[in-house]
Amino acid sequence: MSAATDRRYLRRLAGRATVASAVWLCAATVPAWAAVVQVEVDGIEPGGGQVRVALCQGGLSESSCLRGDDAPATADRARFTFRDVPPGTYAVAAYQDANGNGRLDRTGLGLPLEPYGFSGTVGRRARPDFAEAAFALREPGAAVRVRLGRALPSR
């Protein structure tokens, strides 16, 4: 290679390194758009089982509730933390799996037999609605309270 060719090659290489460094620097300074959702569940009944909590987006069906957590029902309240949640519209669904079978037990008519609850203003009068349970999540995060209750008296 000639000296002129070497200089052109080094300039191109230096230019590429500068572009790569600039891209990396921009990526490193862009904030990670994620928040923390802290959920407090109260109304937990004595007698054990697990408290199961799900963070739902777009609906309250099982397929819309992709992030979940559980903890032993050892006190009348429990706290759960979901980290790195992208901002958006979410709802929280929770229930106490008193008999430990991994699901919310229901009557033949579909009424829950175990304590359950949702975020927002969802009552126990009808099928829950995502819009009533929804909250807007922005950075740095949100604190949500869910009160468990029964649709029917315990047997």
Protein backbone atom coordinates (compact mmCIF):
# COMPACT_ATOMS: atom_id res chain seq x y z
CA MET A 1 0.00 0.00 0.00
CA SER A 2 1.10 3.53 -0.68
CA ALA A 3 1.23 6.23 1.98
CA ALA A 4 -1.83 7.95 0.45
CA THR A 5 -3.81 4.71 0.55
CA ASP A 6 -2.78 4.15 4.16
CA ARG A 7 -4.00 7.66 5.12
CA ARG A 8 -7.39 7.13 3.40
CA TYR A 9 -7.78 3.76 5.10
CA LEU A 10 -6.97 5.23 8.54
CA ARG A 11 -9.41 8.15 8.00
CA ARG A 12 -12.23 5.73 7.08
CA LEU A 13 -11.42 3.54 10.09
CA ALA A 14 -11.32 6.56 12.41
CA GLY A 15 -14.65 7.78 11.00
CA ARG A 16 -16.28 4.40 11.63
CA ALA A 17 -14.89 4.30 15.17
CA THR A 18 -16.27 7.81 15.83
CA VAL A 19 -19.73 6.82 14.56
CA ALA A 20 -19.70 3.61 16.61
CA SER A 21 -18.62 5.55 19.72
CA ALA A 22 -21.36 8.14 19.19
CA VAL A 23 -24.03 5.45 18.80
CA TRP A 24 -22.84 3.69 21.95
CA LEU A 25 -22.73 6.96 23.90
CA CYS A 26 -26.30 7.86 22.84
CA ALA A 27 -27.57 4.41 23.76
CA ALA A 28 -25.86 4.59 27.13
CA THR A 29 -27.47 7.93 27.99
CA VAL A 30 -31.04 7.05 26.93
CA PRO A 31 -33.08 6.24 30.04
CA ALA A 32 -34.51 2.77 30.37
CA TRP A 33 -38.25 3.44 30.21
CA ALA A 34 -39.37 1.16 32.98
CA ALA A 35 -41.17 1.59 36.25
CA VAL A 36 -41.87 -0.26 39.48
CA VAL A 37 -45.34 -1.39 40.54
CA GLN A 38 -45.77 -2.00 44.26
CA VAL A 39 -48.89 -3.95 45.12
CA GLU A 40 -50.28 -4.20 48.64
CA VAL A 41 -52.88 -6.91 49.11
CA ASP A 42 -55.00 -6.82 52.26
CA GLY A 43 -57.99 -8.79 53.43
CA ILE A 44 -56.02 -12.04 53.43
CA GLU A 45 -57.89 -14.66 55.45
CA PRO A 46 -56.20 -16.74 58.13
CA GLY A 47 -55.81 -20.39 57.32
CA GLY A 48 -53.04 -20.43 54.81
CA GLY A 49 -52.67 -21.09 51.16
CA GLN A 50 -50.95 -18.76 48.74
CA VAL A 51 -51.78 -15.22 47.71
CA ARG A 52 -51.40 -14.93 43.94
CA VAL A 53 -51.06 -11.57 42.19
CA ALA A 54 -50.99 -10.84 38.46
CA LEU A 55 -50.13 -7.68 36.54
CA CYS A 56 -52.45 -7.47 33.53
CA GLN A 57 -52.32 -5.36 30.37
CA GLY A 58 -55.20 -4.97 27.93
CA GLY A 59 -57.63 -7.24 29.78
CA LEU A 60 -58.21 -9.41 32.82
CA SER A 61 -58.07 -12.77 31.06
CA GLU A 62 -55.27 -15.18 31.88
CA SER A 63 -53.61 -14.45 28.52
CA SER A 64 -53.47 -10.71 29.38
CA CYS A 65 -51.90 -11.28 32.80
CA LEU A 66 -48.39 -12.41 31.90
CA ARG A 67 -46.49 -11.26 35.00
CA GLY A 68 -47.32 -12.76 38.35
CA ASP A 69 -46.04 -13.51 41.81
CA ASP A 70 -47.19 -15.37 44.89
CA ALA A 71 -46.44 -15.53 48.59
CA PRO A 72 -47.64 -17.59 51.55
CA ALA A 73 -50.77 -16.23 53.22
CA THR A 74 -49.16 -15.81 56.65
CA ALA A 75 -50.51 -12.36 57.59
CA ASP A 76 -53.55 -10.21 56.84
CA ARG A 77 -51.61 -8.31 54.16
CA ALA A 78 -48.76 -8.92 51.72
CA ARG A 79 -46.61 -6.75 49.46
CA PHE A 80 -45.45 -7.57 45.96
CA THR A 81 -43.07 -5.66 43.70
CA PHE A 82 -42.94 -5.82 39.91
CA ARG A 83 -39.77 -4.22 38.50
CA ASP A 84 -38.83 -3.07 35.00
CA VAL A 85 -42.43 -2.63 33.89
CA PRO A 86 -42.78 -0.50 30.73
CA PRO A 87 -45.10 2.49 31.15
CA GLY A 88 -48.65 1.81 29.99
CA THR A 89 -52.11 0.93 31.26
CA TYR A 90 -52.31 -1.99 33.66
CA ALA A 91 -54.60 -3.66 36.18
CA VAL A 92 -53.86 -5.99 39.09
CA ALA A 93 -55.81 -9.15 39.85
CA ALA A 94 -55.26 -11.12 43.05
CA TYR A 95 -56.73 -14.08 44.89
CA GLN A 96 -56.00 -16.30 47.87
CA ASP A 97 -55.56 -19.91 46.82
CA ALA A 98 -56.77 -21.25 50.16
CA ASN A 99 -56.69 -24.92 49.19
CA GLY A 100 -53.40 -24.77 47.25
CA ASN A 101 -54.66 -26.16 43.95
CA GLY A 102 -53.16 -23.33 41.87
CA ARG A 103 -56.41 -21.83 40.61
CA LEU A 104 -59.33 -19.68 41.72
CA ASP A 105 -62.09 -22.15 42.57
CA ARG A 106 -65.59 -21.33 41.30
CA THR A 107 -69.16 -22.50 41.68
CA GLY A 108 -71.03 -24.13 38.80
CA LEU A 109 -72.29 -20.63 37.92
CA GLY A 110 -68.74 -19.25 37.81
CA LEU A 111 -68.79 -17.31 41.10
CA PRO A 112 -65.43 -17.34 42.92
CA LEU A 113 -65.31 -19.47 46.06
CA GLU A 114 -62.00 -18.05 47.35
CA PRO A 115 -61.11 -14.46 48.31
CA TYR A 116 -60.25 -12.31 45.28
CA GLY A 117 -59.84 -8.67 44.30
CA PHE A 118 -58.73 -6.18 41.66
CA SER A 119 -57.10 -2.78 41.49
CA GLY A 120 -59.24 0.27 40.82
CA THR A 121 -62.97 0.49 41.44
CA VAL A 122 -63.98 -3.05 40.53
CA GLY A 123 -66.71 -4.32 42.81
CA ARG A 124 -68.09 -7.79 43.33
CA ARG A 125 -71.44 -7.16 41.63
CA ALA A 126 -70.63 -8.48 38.15
CA ARG A 127 -67.89 -9.78 35.88
CA PRO A 128 -64.83 -7.50 36.34
CA ASP A 129 -64.07 -4.88 33.72
CA PHE A 130 -60.48 -3.98 32.75
CA ALA A 131 -61.37 -0.27 32.42
CA GLU A 132 -62.56 -0.16 36.05
CA ALA A 133 -59.45 -1.94 37.31
CA ALA A 134 -56.94 -0.06 35.12
CA PHE A 135 -54.34 2.48 36.19
CA ALA A 136 -51.82 4.45 34.17
CA LEU A 137 -48.22 3.53 34.92
CA ARG A 138 -45.55 6.16 34.41
CA GLU A 139 -42.02 6.44 35.73
CA PRO A 140 -40.89 6.04 38.43
CA GLY A 141 -43.81 3.78 39.29
CA ALA A 142 -47.09 3.30 41.12
CA ALA A 143 -48.41 1.92 44.38
CA VAL A 144 -51.60 -0.12 44.06
CA ARG A 145 -53.84 -1.52 46.77
CA VAL A 146 -56.02 -4.61 46.29
CA ARG A 147 -58.55 -5.68 48.89
CA LEU A 148 -59.50 -9.35 48.87
CA GLY A 149 -63.08 -10.32 49.56
CA ARG A 150 -65.52 -13.11 48.86
CA ALA A 151 -68.41 -13.21 46.43
CA LEU A 152 -70.05 -15.83 48.67
CA PRO A 153 -69.63 -16.64 52.37
CA SER A 154 -66.99 -19.29 53.06
CA ARG A 155 -68.24 -22.83 53.50
